[in-house]
PDB file of N, CA and C in Angstrom:
ATOM      1  N   UNK A   1      11.082  -9.030  21.507  1.00  0.00           N
ATOM      2  CA  UNK A   1      10.316  -9.903  20.530  1.00  0.00           C
ATOM      3  C   UNK A   1       8.771  -9.398  20.668  1.00  0.00           C
ATOM      4  N   UNK A   2       8.390  -9.053  21.851  1.00  0.00           N
ATOM      5  CA  UNK A   2       6.922  -8.667  22.111  1.00  0.00           C
ATOM      6  C   UNK A   2       6.662  -7.504  21.217  1.00  0.00           C
ATOM      7  N   UNK A   3       7.722  -6.595  21.212  1.00  0.00           N
ATOM      8  CA  UNK A   3       7.419  -5.343  20.404  1.00  0.00           C
ATOM      9  C   UNK A   3       7.232  -5.623  18.967  1.00  0.00           C
ATOM     10  N   UNK A   4       7.956  -6.710  18.406  1.00  0.00           N
ATOM     11  CA  UNK A   4       7.716  -6.955  16.868  1.00  0.00           C
ATOM     12  C   UNK A   4       6.456  -7.595  16.696  1.00  0.00           C
ATOM     13  N   UNK A   5       5.941  -8.304  17.633  1.00  0.00           N
ATOM     14  CA  UNK A   5       4.528  -8.869  17.534  1.00  0.00           C
ATOM     15  C   UNK A   5       3.441  -7.725  17.358  1.00  0.00           C
ATOM     16  N   UNK A   6       3.715  -6.814  18.412  1.00  0.00           N
ATOM     17  CA  UNK A   6       2.821  -5.756  18.403  1.00  0.00           C
ATOM     18  C   UNK A   6       2.827  -4.943  17.030  1.00  0.00           C
ATOM     19  N   UNK A   7       4.107  -4.693  16.598  1.00  0.00           N
ATOM     20  CA  UNK A   7       4.208  -3.941  15.346  1.00  0.00           C
ATOM     21  C   UNK A   7       3.519  -4.664  14.285  1.00  0.00           C
ATOM     22  N   UNK A   8       3.702  -5.865  14.143  1.00  0.00           N
ATOM     23  CA  UNK A   8       2.959  -6.765  13.065  1.00  0.00           C
ATOM     24  C   UNK A   8       1.595  -6.722  13.283  1.00  0.00           C
ATOM     25  N   UNK A   9       1.023  -6.878  14.401  1.00  0.00           N
ATOM     26  CA  UNK A   9      -0.436  -6.743  14.686  1.00  0.00           C
ATOM     27  C   UNK A   9      -1.073  -5.366  14.391  1.00  0.00           C
ATOM     28  N   UNK A  10      -0.263  -4.361  14.750  1.00  0.00           N
ATOM     29  CA  UNK A  10      -0.818  -3.098  14.456  1.00  0.00           C
ATOM     30  C   UNK A  10      -0.800  -2.775  12.887  1.00  0.00           C
ATOM     31  N   UNK A  11       0.249  -3.172  12.235  1.00  0.00           N
ATOM     32  CA  UNK A  11       0.526  -3.044  10.858  1.00  0.00           C
ATOM     33  C   UNK A  11      -0.675  -3.818   9.993  1.00  0.00           C
ATOM     34  N   UNK A  12      -0.940  -4.968  10.450  1.00  0.00           N
ATOM     35  CA  UNK A  12      -1.944  -5.734   9.949  1.00  0.00           C
ATOM     36  C   UNK A  12      -3.291  -5.039  10.075  1.00  0.00           C
ATOM     37  N   UNK A  13      -3.701  -4.655  11.157  1.00  0.00           N
ATOM     38  CA  UNK A  13      -4.980  -3.930  11.572  1.00  0.00           C
ATOM     39  C   UNK A  13      -5.070  -2.715  10.709  1.00  0.00           C
ATOM     40  N   UNK A  14      -3.921  -1.897  10.603  1.00  0.00           N
ATOM     41  CA  UNK A  14      -3.984  -0.625   9.945  1.00  0.00           C
ATOM     42  C   UNK A  14      -4.311  -0.908   8.325  1.00  0.00           C
ATOM     43  N   UNK A  15      -3.601  -1.975   7.864  1.00  0.00           N
ATOM     44  CA  UNK A  15      -3.882  -2.340   6.519  1.00  0.00           C
ATOM     45  C   UNK A  15      -5.307  -2.639   6.211  1.00  0.00           C
ATOM     46  N   UNK A  16      -6.009  -3.321   7.044  1.00  0.00           N
ATOM     47  CA  UNK A  16      -7.389  -3.609   6.854  1.00  0.00           C
ATOM     48  C   UNK A  16      -8.205  -2.257   6.977  1.00  0.00           C
ATOM     49  N   UNK A  17      -7.786  -1.587   7.970  1.00  0.00           N
ATOM     50  CA  UNK A  17      -8.566  -0.309   8.138  1.00  0.00           C
ATOM     51  C   UNK A  17      -8.459   0.675   7.070  1.00  0.00           C
ATOM     52  N   UNK A  18      -7.305   0.801   6.443  1.00  0.00           N
ATOM     53  CA  UNK A  18      -7.099   1.812   5.462  1.00  0.00           C
ATOM     54  C   UNK A  18      -7.875   1.313   4.175  1.00  0.00           C
ATOM     55  N   UNK A  19      -7.820  -0.076   3.943  1.00  0.00           N
ATOM     56  CA  UNK A  19      -8.502  -0.562   2.866  1.00  0.00           C
ATOM     57  C   UNK A  19     -10.087  -0.419   3.033  1.00  0.00           C
ATOM     58  N   UNK A  20     -10.619  -0.511   4.211  1.00  0.00           N
ATOM     59  CA  UNK A  20     -11.981  -0.205   4.463  1.00  0.00           C
ATOM     60  C   UNK A  20     -12.375   1.346   4.202  1.00  0.00           C
ATOM     61  N   UNK A  21     -11.446   2.125   4.686  1.00  0.00           N
ATOM     62  CA  UNK A  21     -11.563   3.531   4.490  1.00  0.00           C
ATOM     63  C   UNK A  21     -11.729   3.841   2.967  1.00  0.00           C
ATOM     64  N   UNK A  22     -10.886   3.410   2.239  1.00  0.00           N
ATOM     65  CA  UNK A  22     -10.806   3.682   0.836  1.00  0.00           C
ATOM     66  C   UNK A  22     -11.992   3.229   0.111  1.00  0.00           C
ATOM     67  N   UNK A  23     -12.466   1.965   0.554  1.00  0.00           N
ATOM     68  CA  UNK A  23     -13.530   1.380  -0.153  1.00  0.00           C
ATOM     69  C   UNK A  23     -14.914   1.993   0.238  1.00  0.00           C
ATOM     70  N   UNK A  24     -15.183   2.191   1.530  1.00  0.00           N
ATOM     71  CA  UNK A  24     -16.431   2.512   2.070  1.00  0.00           C
ATOM     72  C   UNK A  24     -16.555   4.058   2.335  1.00  0.00           C
ATOM     73  N   UNK A  25     -15.538   4.835   2.778  1.00  0.00           N
ATOM     74  CA  UNK A  25     -15.633   6.184   3.306  1.00  0.00           C
ATOM     75  C   UNK A  25     -15.250   7.198   2.424  1.00  0.00           C
ATOM     76  N   UNK A  26     -14.498   6.908   1.364  1.00  0.00           N
ATOM     77  CA  UNK A  26     -13.925   7.873   0.487  1.00  0.00           C
ATOM     78  C   UNK A  26     -14.764   7.770  -0.798  1.00  0.00           C
ATOM     79  N   UNK A  27     -15.162   8.804  -1.475  1.00  0.00           N
ATOM     80  CA  UNK A  27     -15.860   8.949  -2.713  1.00  0.00           C
ATOM     81  C   UNK A  27     -14.723   9.112  -3.884  1.00  0.00           C
ATOM     82  N   UNK A  28     -13.855   8.425  -3.829  1.00  0.00           N
ATOM     83  CA  UNK A  28     -12.770   8.643  -4.985  1.00  0.00           C
ATOM     84  C   UNK A  28     -12.711   7.336  -5.541  1.00  0.00           C
ATOM     85  N   UNK A  29     -13.278   7.186  -6.684  1.00  0.00           N
ATOM     86  CA  UNK A  29     -13.435   5.850  -7.427  1.00  0.00           C
ATOM     87  C   UNK A  29     -12.066   5.375  -7.908  1.00  0.00           C
ATOM     88  N   UNK A  30     -11.129   6.308  -8.344  1.00  0.00           N
ATOM     89  CA  UNK A  30      -9.949   5.695  -8.687  1.00  0.00           C
ATOM     90  C   UNK A  30      -8.913   5.119  -7.666  1.00  0.00           C
ATOM     91  N   UNK A  31      -9.273   5.410  -6.400  1.00  0.00           N
ATOM     92  CA  UNK A  31      -8.527   4.835  -5.286  1.00  0.00           C
ATOM     93  C   UNK A  31      -9.102   3.459  -5.048  1.00  0.00           C
ATOM     94  N   UNK A  32     -10.245   3.041  -5.516  1.00  0.00           N
ATOM     95  CA  UNK A  32     -10.855   1.845  -5.212  1.00  0.00           C
ATOM     96  C   UNK A  32     -10.017   0.899  -6.248  1.00  0.00           C
ATOM     97  N   UNK A  33      -9.398   1.307  -7.204  1.00  0.00           N
ATOM     98  CA  UNK A  33      -8.592   0.538  -8.046  1.00  0.00           C
ATOM     99  C   UNK A  33      -7.206   0.101  -7.480  1.00  0.00           C
ATOM    100  N   UNK A  34      -6.959   0.605  -6.261  1.00  0.00           N
ATOM    101  CA  UNK A  34      -5.704   0.479  -5.652  1.00  0.00           C
ATOM    102  C   UNK A  34      -5.988  -0.598  -4.556  1.00  0.00           C
ATOM    103  N   UNK A  35      -4.882  -1.384  -4.319  1.00  0.00           N
ATOM    104  CA  UNK A  35      -4.882  -2.358  -3.283  1.00  0.00           C
ATOM    105  C   UNK A  35      -3.763  -2.120  -2.210  1.00  0.00           C
ATOM    106  N   UNK A  36      -4.043  -2.234  -1.105  1.00  0.00           N
ATOM    107  CA  UNK A  36      -3.019  -1.978   0.026  1.00  0.00           C
ATOM    108  C   UNK A  36      -2.315  -3.370   0.264  1.00  0.00           C
ATOM    109  N   UNK A  37      -1.109  -3.432  -0.124  1.00  0.00           N
ATOM    110  CA  UNK A  37      -0.322  -4.603  -0.036  1.00  0.00           C
ATOM    111  C   UNK A  37       0.405  -4.840   1.331  1.00  0.00           C
ATOM    112  N   UNK A  38       1.012  -3.824   1.852  1.00  0.00           N
ATOM    113  CA  UNK A  38       1.817  -3.960   3.159  1.00  0.00           C
ATOM    114  C   UNK A  38       1.749  -2.621   3.843  1.00  0.00           C
ATOM    115  N   UNK A  39       1.824  -2.644   5.123  1.00  0.00           N
ATOM    116  CA  UNK A  39       2.077  -1.461   5.959  1.00  0.00           C
ATOM    117  C   UNK A  39       3.243  -1.773   6.858  1.00  0.00           C
ATOM    118  N   UNK A  40       4.143  -0.889   6.960  1.00  0.00           N
ATOM    119  CA  UNK A  40       5.410  -1.100   7.618  1.00  0.00           C
ATOM    120  C   UNK A  40       5.317   0.099   8.770  1.00  0.00           C
ATOM    121  N   UNK A  41       5.272  -0.250  10.059  1.00  0.00           N
ATOM    122  CA  UNK A  41       5.216   0.885  11.045  1.00  0.00           C
ATOM    123  C   UNK A  41       6.662   1.041  11.580  1.00  0.00           C
ATOM    124  N   UNK A  42       6.847   2.345  11.991  1.00  0.00           N
ATOM    125  CA  UNK A  42       8.042   2.785  12.632  1.00  0.00           C
ATOM    126  C   UNK A  42       8.033   2.227  14.079  1.00  0.00           C
ATOM    127  N   UNK A  43       9.299   1.876  14.712  1.00  0.00           N
ATOM    128  CA  UNK A  43       9.317   1.314  15.960  1.00  0.00           C
ATOM    129  C   UNK A  43       8.554   2.067  17.057  1.00  0.00           C
ATOM    130  N   UNK A  44       8.317   3.351  16.811  1.00  0.00           N
ATOM    131  CA  UNK A  44       7.674   4.079  17.859  1.00  0.00           C
ATOM    132  C   UNK A  44       6.164   4.273  17.484  1.00  0.00           C
ATOM    133  N   UNK A  45       5.784   3.642  16.406  1.00  0.00           N
ATOM    134  CA  UNK A  45       4.430   3.704  15.924  1.00  0.00           C
ATOM    135  C   UNK A  45       3.913   5.131  15.422  1.00  0.00           C
ATOM    136  N   UNK A  46       4.914   5.889  15.256  1.00  0.00           N
ATOM    137  CA  UNK A  46       4.470   7.334  14.739  1.00  0.00           C
ATOM    138  C   UNK A  46       4.333   7.422  13.261  1.00  0.00           C
ATOM    139  N   UNK A  47       4.911   6.671  12.433  1.00  0.00           N
ATOM    140  CA  UNK A  47       4.761   6.617  11.057  1.00  0.00           C
ATOM    141  C   UNK A  47       4.454   5.347  10.448  1.00  0.00           C
ATOM    142  N   UNK A  48       3.418   5.277   9.479  1.00  0.00           N
ATOM    143  CA  UNK A  48       3.013   4.081   8.869  1.00  0.00           C
ATOM    144  C   UNK A  48       3.363   4.276   7.430  1.00  0.00           C
ATOM    145  N   UNK A  49       4.316   3.489   6.835  1.00  0.00           N
ATOM    146  CA  UNK A  49       4.617   3.415   5.418  1.00  0.00           C
ATOM    147  C   UNK A  49       3.691   2.371   4.805  1.00  0.00           C
ATOM    148  N   UNK A  50       2.719   2.960   3.902  1.00  0.00           N
ATOM    149  CA  UNK A  50       1.557   2.052   3.190  1.00  0.00           C
ATOM    150  C   UNK A  50       2.040   1.831   1.825  1.00  0.00           C
ATOM    151  N   UNK A  51       2.186   0.648   1.395  1.00  0.00           N
ATOM    152  CA  UNK A  51       2.601   0.254   0.102  1.00  0.00           C
ATOM    153  C   UNK A  51       1.452  -0.313  -0.764  1.00  0.00           C
ATOM    154  N   UNK A  52       1.164   0.292  -1.728  1.00  0.00           N
ATOM    155  CA  UNK A  52      -0.013  -0.020  -2.635  1.00  0.00           C
ATOM    156  C   UNK A  52       0.320  -0.491  -4.091  1.00  0.00           C
ATOM    157  N   UNK A  53      -0.532  -1.166  -4.661  1.00  0.00           N
ATOM    158  CA  UNK A  53      -0.531  -1.592  -6.193  1.00  0.00           C
ATOM    159  C   UNK A  53      -1.798  -1.131  -6.599  1.00  0.00           C
ATOM    160  N   UNK A  54      -1.822  -0.926  -8.110  1.00  0.00           N
ATOM    161  CA  UNK A  54      -3.014  -0.668  -8.679  1.00  0.00           C
ATOM    162  C   UNK A  54      -3.377  -1.371  -9.928  1.00  0.00           C
ATOM    163  N   UNK A  55      -4.539  -1.507 -10.343  1.00  0.00           N
ATOM    164  CA  UNK A  55      -4.975  -2.135 -11.500  1.00  0.00           C
ATOM    165  C   UNK A  55      -4.313  -1.360 -12.699  1.00  0.00           C
ATOM    166  N   UNK A  56      -4.375  -0.133 -12.706  1.00  0.00           N
ATOM    167  CA  UNK A  56      -3.703   0.740 -13.757  1.00  0.00           C
ATOM    168  C   UNK A  56      -2.339   0.660 -13.504  1.00  0.00           C
ATOM    169  N   UNK A  57      -1.639  -0.147 -14.383  1.00  0.00           N
ATOM    170  CA  UNK A  57      -0.216  -0.349 -14.287  1.00  0.00           C
ATOM    171  C   UNK A  57       0.501   0.630 -15.210  1.00  0.00           C
ATOM    172  N   UNK A  58      -0.096   1.343 -16.061  1.00  0.00           N
ATOM    173  CA  UNK A  58       0.658   2.348 -16.882  1.00  0.00           C
ATOM    174  C   UNK A  58       1.160   3.431 -15.919  1.00  0.00           C
ATOM    175  N   UNK A  59       2.213   3.965 -16.211  1.00  0.00           N
ATOM    176  CA  UNK A  59       2.848   4.953 -15.416  1.00  0.00           C
ATOM    177  C   UNK A  59       1.872   6.132 -15.061  1.00  0.00           C
ATOM    178  N   UNK A  60       1.199   6.704 -15.975  1.00  0.00           N
ATOM    179  CA  UNK A  60       0.179   7.924 -15.612  1.00  0.00           C
ATOM    180  C   UNK A  60      -0.772   7.539 -14.683  1.00  0.00           C
ATOM    181  N   UNK A  61      -1.390   6.294 -14.872  1.00  0.00           N
ATOM    182  CA  UNK A  61      -2.363   5.913 -13.856  1.00  0.00           C
ATOM    183  C   UNK A  61      -1.906   5.697 -12.361  1.00  0.00           C
ATOM    184  N   UNK A  62      -0.587   5.159 -12.425  1.00  0.00           N
ATOM    185  CA  UNK A  62      -0.029   4.966 -10.993  1.00  0.00           C
ATOM    186  C   UNK A  62       0.230   6.467 -10.432  1.00  0.00           C
ATOM    187  N   UNK A  63       0.712   7.391 -11.247  1.00  0.00           N
ATOM    188  CA  UNK A  63       1.069   8.602 -10.654  1.00  0.00           C
ATOM    189  C   UNK A  63      -0.121   9.347 -10.336  1.00  0.00           C
ATOM    190  N   UNK A  64      -1.262   9.065 -11.033  1.00  0.00           N
ATOM    191  CA  UNK A  64      -2.477   9.701 -10.633  1.00  0.00           C
ATOM    192  C   UNK A  64      -3.084   9.140  -9.262  1.00  0.00           C
ATOM    193  N   UNK A  65      -3.074   7.831  -9.096  1.00  0.00           N
ATOM    194  CA  UNK A  65      -3.405   7.227  -7.785  1.00  0.00           C
ATOM    195  C   UNK A  65      -2.575   7.682  -6.626  1.00  0.00           C
ATOM    196  N   UNK A  66      -1.300   7.669  -6.968  1.00  0.00           N
ATOM    197  CA  UNK A  66      -0.292   8.287  -5.948  1.00  0.00           C
ATOM    198  C   UNK A  66      -0.737   9.734  -5.478  1.00  0.00           C
ATOM    199  N   UNK A  67      -0.961  10.619  -6.496  1.00  0.00           N
ATOM    200  CA  UNK A  67      -1.375  11.806  -6.201  1.00  0.00           C
ATOM    201  C   UNK A  67      -2.742  11.898  -5.383  1.00  0.00           C
ATOM    202  N   UNK A  68      -3.630  11.057  -5.795  1.00  0.00           N
ATOM    203  CA  UNK A  68      -4.960  10.880  -5.128  1.00  0.00           C
ATOM    204  C   UNK A  68      -4.731  10.528  -3.577  1.00  0.00           C
ATOM    205  N   UNK A  69      -3.824   9.584  -3.405  1.00  0.00           N
ATOM    206  CA  UNK A  69      -3.481   9.169  -1.989  1.00  0.00           C
ATOM    207  C   UNK A  69      -2.944  10.403  -1.214  1.00  0.00           C
ATOM    208  N   UNK A  70      -2.095  11.164  -1.860  1.00  0.00           N
ATOM    209  CA  UNK A  70      -1.440  12.319  -1.106  1.00  0.00           C
ATOM    210  C   UNK A  70      -2.505  13.311  -0.791  1.00  0.00           C
ATOM    211  N   UNK A  71      -3.463  13.466  -1.775  1.00  0.00           N
ATOM    212  CA  UNK A  71      -4.395  14.543  -1.553  1.00  0.00           C
ATOM    213  C   UNK A  71      -5.538  14.077  -0.540  1.00  0.00           C
ATOM    214  N   UNK A  72      -5.788  12.717  -0.319  1.00  0.00           N
ATOM    215  CA  UNK A  72      -6.633  12.391   0.556  1.00  0.00           C
ATOM    216  C   UNK A  72      -6.053  11.753   1.943  1.00  0.00           C
ATOM    217  N   UNK A  73      -4.831  11.901   2.071  1.00  0.00           N
ATOM    218  CA  UNK A  73      -3.974  11.453   3.209  1.00  0.00           C
ATOM    219  C   UNK A  73      -4.570  11.918   4.516  1.00  0.00           C
ATOM    220  N   UNK A  74      -4.890  13.283   4.564  1.00  0.00           N
ATOM    221  CA  UNK A  74      -5.483  13.671   5.908  1.00  0.00           C
ATOM    222  C   UNK A  74      -6.824  13.155   6.118  1.00  0.00           C
ATOM    223  N   UNK A  75      -7.552  12.940   5.229  1.00  0.00           N
ATOM    224  CA  UNK A  75      -8.989  12.512   5.392  1.00  0.00           C
ATOM    225  C   UNK A  75      -8.873  10.944   5.714  1.00  0.00           C
ATOM    226  N   UNK A  76      -8.026  10.150   5.206  1.00  0.00           N
ATOM    227  CA  UNK A  76      -7.835   8.864   5.574  1.00  0.00           C
ATOM    228  C   UNK A  76      -7.384   8.732   6.940  1.00  0.00           C
ATOM    229  N   UNK A  77      -6.359   9.657   7.391  1.00  0.00           N
ATOM    230  CA  UNK A  77      -5.824   9.525   8.750  1.00  0.00           C
ATOM    231  C   UNK A  77      -6.917   9.938   9.724  1.00  0.00           C
ATOM    232  N   UNK A  78      -7.758  10.880   9.466  1.00  0.00           N
ATOM    233  CA  UNK A  78      -8.816  11.265  10.340  1.00  0.00           C
ATOM    234  C   UNK A  78      -9.889  10.218  10.484  1.00  0.00           C
ATOM    235  N   UNK A  79     -10.029   9.316   9.566  1.00  0.00           N
ATOM    236  CA  UNK A  79     -11.112   8.235   9.691  1.00  0.00           C
ATOM    237  C   UNK A  79     -10.595   7.112  10.466  1.00  0.00           C
ATOM    238  N   UNK A  80      -9.340   6.947  10.684  1.00  0.00           N
ATOM    239  CA  UNK A  80      -8.825   5.691  11.192  1.00  0.00           C
ATOM    240  C   UNK A  80      -9.365   5.387  12.768  1.00  0.00           C
ATOM    241  N   UNK A  81      -9.462   6.420  13.468  1.00  0.00           N
ATOM    242  CA  UNK A  81     -10.209   6.159  14.818  1.00  0.00           C
ATOM    243  C   UNK A  81     -11.557   5.583  14.837  1.00  0.00           C
ATOM    244  N   UNK A  82     -12.220   5.649  13.557  1.00  0.00           N
ATOM    245  CA  UNK A  82     -13.627   5.137  13.446  1.00  0.00           C
ATOM    246  C   UNK A  82     -13.584   3.578  13.534  1.00  0.00           C
ATOM    247  N   UNK A  83     -12.471   3.179  13.010  1.00  0.00           N
ATOM    248  CA  UNK A  83     -12.429   1.552  12.917  1.00  0.00           C
ATOM    249  C   UNK A  83     -11.350   0.998  13.838  1.00  0.00           C
ATOM    250  N   UNK A  84     -10.333   1.758  14.293  1.00  0.00           N
ATOM    251  CA  UNK A  84      -9.197   1.231  15.049  1.00  0.00           C
ATOM    252  C   UNK A  84      -8.816   2.182  16.152  1.00  0.00           C
ATOM    253  N   UNK A  85      -8.808   1.608  17.312  1.00  0.00           N
ATOM    254  CA  UNK A  85      -8.463   2.308  18.497  1.00  0.00           C
ATOM    255  C   UNK A  85      -7.003   2.285  18.651  1.00  0.00           C
ATOM    256  N   UNK A  86      -6.367   3.579  18.506  1.00  0.00           N
ATOM    257  CA  UNK A  86      -5.016   3.717  18.676  1.00  0.00           C
ATOM    258  C   UNK A  86      -4.840   4.956  19.562  1.00  0.00           C
ATOM    259  N   UNK A  87      -3.856   5.072  20.367  1.00  0.00           N
ATOM    260  CA  UNK A  87      -3.623   6.161  21.248  1.00  0.00           C
ATOM    261  C   UNK A  87      -3.218   7.257  20.520  1.00  0.00           C
ATOM    262  N   UNK A  88      -2.309   7.012  19.443  1.00  0.00           N
ATOM    263  CA  UNK A  88      -1.809   8.075  18.588  1.00  0.00           C
ATOM    264  C   UNK A  88      -1.968   7.532  17.197  1.00  0.00           C
ATOM    265  N   UNK A  89      -2.678   8.359  16.206  1.00  0.00           N
ATOM    266  CA  UNK A  89      -2.746   7.866  14.916  1.00  0.00           C
ATOM    267  C   UNK A  89      -1.506   8.283  14.140  1.00  0.00           C
ATOM    268  N   UNK A  90      -0.878   7.280  13.451  1.00  0.00           N
ATOM    269  CA  UNK A  90       0.479   7.569  12.861  1.00  0.00           C
ATOM    270  C   UNK A  90       0.259   8.408  11.578  1.00  0.00           C
ATOM    271  N   UNK A  91       1.371   9.051  11.401  1.00  0.00           N
ATOM    272  CA  UNK A  91       1.537   9.777  10.056  1.00  0.00           C
ATOM    273  C   UNK A  91       1.580   8.747   9.043  1.00  0.00           C
ATOM    274  N   UNK A  92       0.819   8.904   7.877  1.00  0.00           N
ATOM    275  CA  UNK A  92       0.728   7.950   6.956  1.00  0.00           C
ATOM    276  C   UNK A  92       1.575   8.544   5.609  1.00  0.00           C
ATOM    277  N   UNK A  93       2.361   7.499   5.154  1.00  0.00           N
ATOM    278  CA  UNK A  93       3.095   7.801   3.880  1.00  0.00           C
ATOM    279  C   UNK A  93       2.778   6.789   2.897  1.00  0.00           C
ATOM    280  N   UNK A  94       2.346   7.207   1.547  1.00  0.00           N
ATOM    281  CA  UNK A  94       2.032   6.192   0.688  1.00  0.00           C
ATOM    282  C   UNK A  94       3.148   5.949  -0.420  1.00  0.00           C
ATOM    283  N   UNK A  95       3.379   4.664  -0.671  1.00  0.00           N
ATOM    284  CA  UNK A  95       4.346   4.414  -1.808  1.00  0.00           C
ATOM    285  C   UNK A  95       4.001   3.315  -2.789  1.00  0.00           C
ATOM    286  N   UNK A  96       4.136   3.510  -3.873  1.00  0.00           N
ATOM    287  CA  UNK A  96       3.779   2.389  -4.935  1.00  0.00           C
ATOM    288  C   UNK A  96       4.764   1.250  -4.721  1.00  0.00           C
ATOM    289  N   UNK A  97       4.107  -0.055  -4.656  1.00  0.00           N
ATOM    290  CA  UNK A  97       4.845  -1.225  -4.544  1.00  0.00           C
ATOM    291  C   UNK A  97       5.139  -1.819  -5.817  1.00  0.00           C
ATOM    292  N   UNK A  98       6.358  -1.741  -6.363  1.00  0.00           N
ATOM    293  CA  UNK A  98       6.816  -2.131  -7.603  1.00  0.00           C
ATOM    294  C   UNK A  98       7.329  -3.643  -7.533  1.00  0.00           C
ATOM    295  N   UNK A  99       7.022  -4.452  -6.567  1.00  0.00           N
ATOM    296  CA  UNK A  99       7.600  -5.784  -6.468  1.00  0.00           C
ATOM    297  C   UNK A  99       7.061  -6.624  -7.495  1.00  0.00           C
ATOM    298  N   UNK A 100       5.719  -6.380  -8.070  1.00  0.00           N
ATOM    299  CA  UNK A 100       5.220  -7.190  -9.144  1.00  0.00           C
ATOM    300  C   UNK A 100       5.736  -6.899 -10.453  1.00  0.00           C
ATOM    301  N   UNK A 101       6.002  -5.565 -10.599  1.00  0.00           N
ATOM    302  CA  UNK A 101       6.698  -5.068 -11.809  1.00  0.00           C
ATOM    303  C   UNK A 101       8.006  -5.772 -11.993  1.00  0.00           C
ATOM    304  N   UNK A 102       8.832  -5.843 -10.861  1.00  0.00           N
ATOM    305  CA  UNK A 102      10.085  -6.521 -10.941  1.00  0.00           C
ATOM    306  C   UNK A 102      10.034  -7.899 -11.160  1.00  0.00           C
ATOM    307  N   UNK A 103       8.967  -8.605 -10.460  1.00  0.00           N
ATOM    308  CA  UNK A 103       8.788  -9.936 -10.835  1.00  0.00           C
ATOM    309  C   UNK A 103       8.577 -10.346 -12.341  1.00  0.00           C
ATOM    310  N   UNK A 104       7.696  -9.486 -12.949  1.00  0.00           N
ATOM    311  CA  UNK A 104       7.419  -9.704 -14.352  1.00  0.00           C
ATOM    312  C   UNK A 104       8.655  -9.517 -15.284  1.00  0.00           C
ATOM    313  N   UNK A 105       9.484  -8.457 -14.842  1.00  0.00           N
ATOM    314  CA  UNK A 105      10.762  -8.234 -15.670  1.00  0.00           C
ATOM    315  C   UNK A 105      11.732  -9.520 -15.552  1.00  0.00           C
ATOM    316  N   UNK A 106      11.785 -10.036 -14.363  1.00  0.00           N
ATOM    317  CA  UNK A 106      12.650 -11.040 -14.190  1.00  0.00           C
ATOM    318  C   UNK A 106      12.103 -12.311 -14.928  1.00  0.00           C
ATOM    319  N   UNK A 107      10.812 -12.463 -14.870  1.00  0.00           N
ATOM    320  CA  UNK A 107      10.259 -13.621 -15.538  1.00  0.00           C
ATOM    321  C   UNK A 107      10.446 -13.500 -17.169  1.00  0.00           C
ATOM    322  N   UNK A 108      10.315 -12.237 -17.673  1.00  0.00           N
ATOM    323  CA  UNK A 108      10.586 -12.026 -19.110  1.00  0.00           C
ATOM    324  C   UNK A 108      12.048 -12.349 -19.305  1.00  0.00           C
ATOM    325  N   UNK A 109      12.981 -11.901 -18.602  1.00  0.00           N
ATOM    326  CA  UNK A 109      14.476 -12.340 -18.783  1.00  0.00           C
ATOM    327  C   UNK A 109      14.710 -13.638 -18.794  1.00  0.00           C
ATOM    328  N   UNK A 110      14.074 -14.379 -17.810  1.00  0.00           N
ATOM    329  CA  UNK A 110      14.244 -15.890 -17.802  1.00  0.00           C
ATOM    330  C   UNK A 110      13.738 -16.625 -18.945  1.00  0.00           C
ATOM    331  N   UNK A 111      12.519 -16.096 -19.380  1.00  0.00           N
ATOM    332  CA  UNK A 111      11.940 -16.762 -20.602  1.00  0.00           C
ATOM    333  C   UNK A 111      12.770 -16.395 -21.902  1.00  0.00           C
ATOM    334  N   UNK A 112      13.293 -15.242 -21.912  1.00  0.00           N
ATOM    335  CA  UNK A 112      14.202 -14.958 -23.120  1.00  0.00           C
ATOM    336  C   UNK A 112      15.494 -15.755 -23.036  1.00  0.00           C
ATOM    337  N   UNK A 113      16.043 -16.040 -21.921  1.00  0.00           N
ATOM    338  CA  UNK A 113      17.158 -16.847 -21.832  1.00  0.00           C
ATOM    339  C   UNK A 113      16.839 -18.303 -22.225  1.00  0.00           C
ATOM    340  N   UNK A 114      15.783 -18.761 -21.785  1.00  0.00           N
ATOM    341  CA  UNK A 114      15.233 -20.060 -22.021  1.00  0.00           C
ATOM    342  C   UNK A 114      15.078 -20.222 -23.605  1.00  0.00           C
ATOM    343  N   UNK A 115      14.523 -19.302 -24.121  1.00  0.00           N
ATOM    344  CA  UNK A 115      14.148 -19.287 -25.559  1.00  0.00           C
ATOM    345  C   UNK A 115      15.465 -19.288 -26.501  1.00  0.00           C
ATOM    346  N   UNK A 116      16.387 -18.472 -26.014  1.00  0.00           N
ATOM    347  CA  UNK A 116      17.903 -18.485 -26.532  1.00  0.00           C
ATOM    348  C   UNK A 116      18.389 -19.839 -26.488  1.00  0.00           C
ATOM    349  N   UNK A 117      18.310 -20.454 -25.349  1.00  0.00           N
ATOM    350  CA  UNK A 117      18.931 -21.825 -25.126  1.00  0.00           C
ATOM    351  C   UNK A 117      18.349 -22.982 -25.991  1.00  0.00           C
ATOM    352  N   UNK A 118      16.982 -22.728 -26.152  1.00  0.00           N
ATOM    353  CA  UNK A 118      16.262 -23.805 -26.912  1.00  0.00           C
ATOM    354  C   UNK A 118      16.614 -23.635 -28.431  1.00  0.00           C
ATOM    355  N   UNK A 119      16.987 -22.430 -28.923  1.00  0.00           N
ATOM    356  CA  UNK A 119      17.274 -22.251 -30.460  1.00  0.00           C
ATOM    357  C   UNK A 119      18.648 -22.789 -30.746  1.00  0.00           C
TER     358      UNK A 119
END
């Protein structure tokens, strides 16, 4: 149980740290349109899966932001020790979080069913 508390704490701190780095340390304006939603750490703390969303919801905008995260991955990783003291800085993998997209699709389906029932 203690291990999971530690994982959650480190995930939370890493989320805050990566957000600060994107906003204050990187000069990539497009990445400032992204929001870090969740960080999931591997049990051995060697890999951090970082989930993001973006204001630009069209597919090309998301792909561009994903590409920029991959290009700046090393730079982000190297700046983590400036804000967070970890024995080993984890490998970072960025993923687009499509949870909100799925919520909107389900909401549209429910609204269309309701509309059909009202008619």
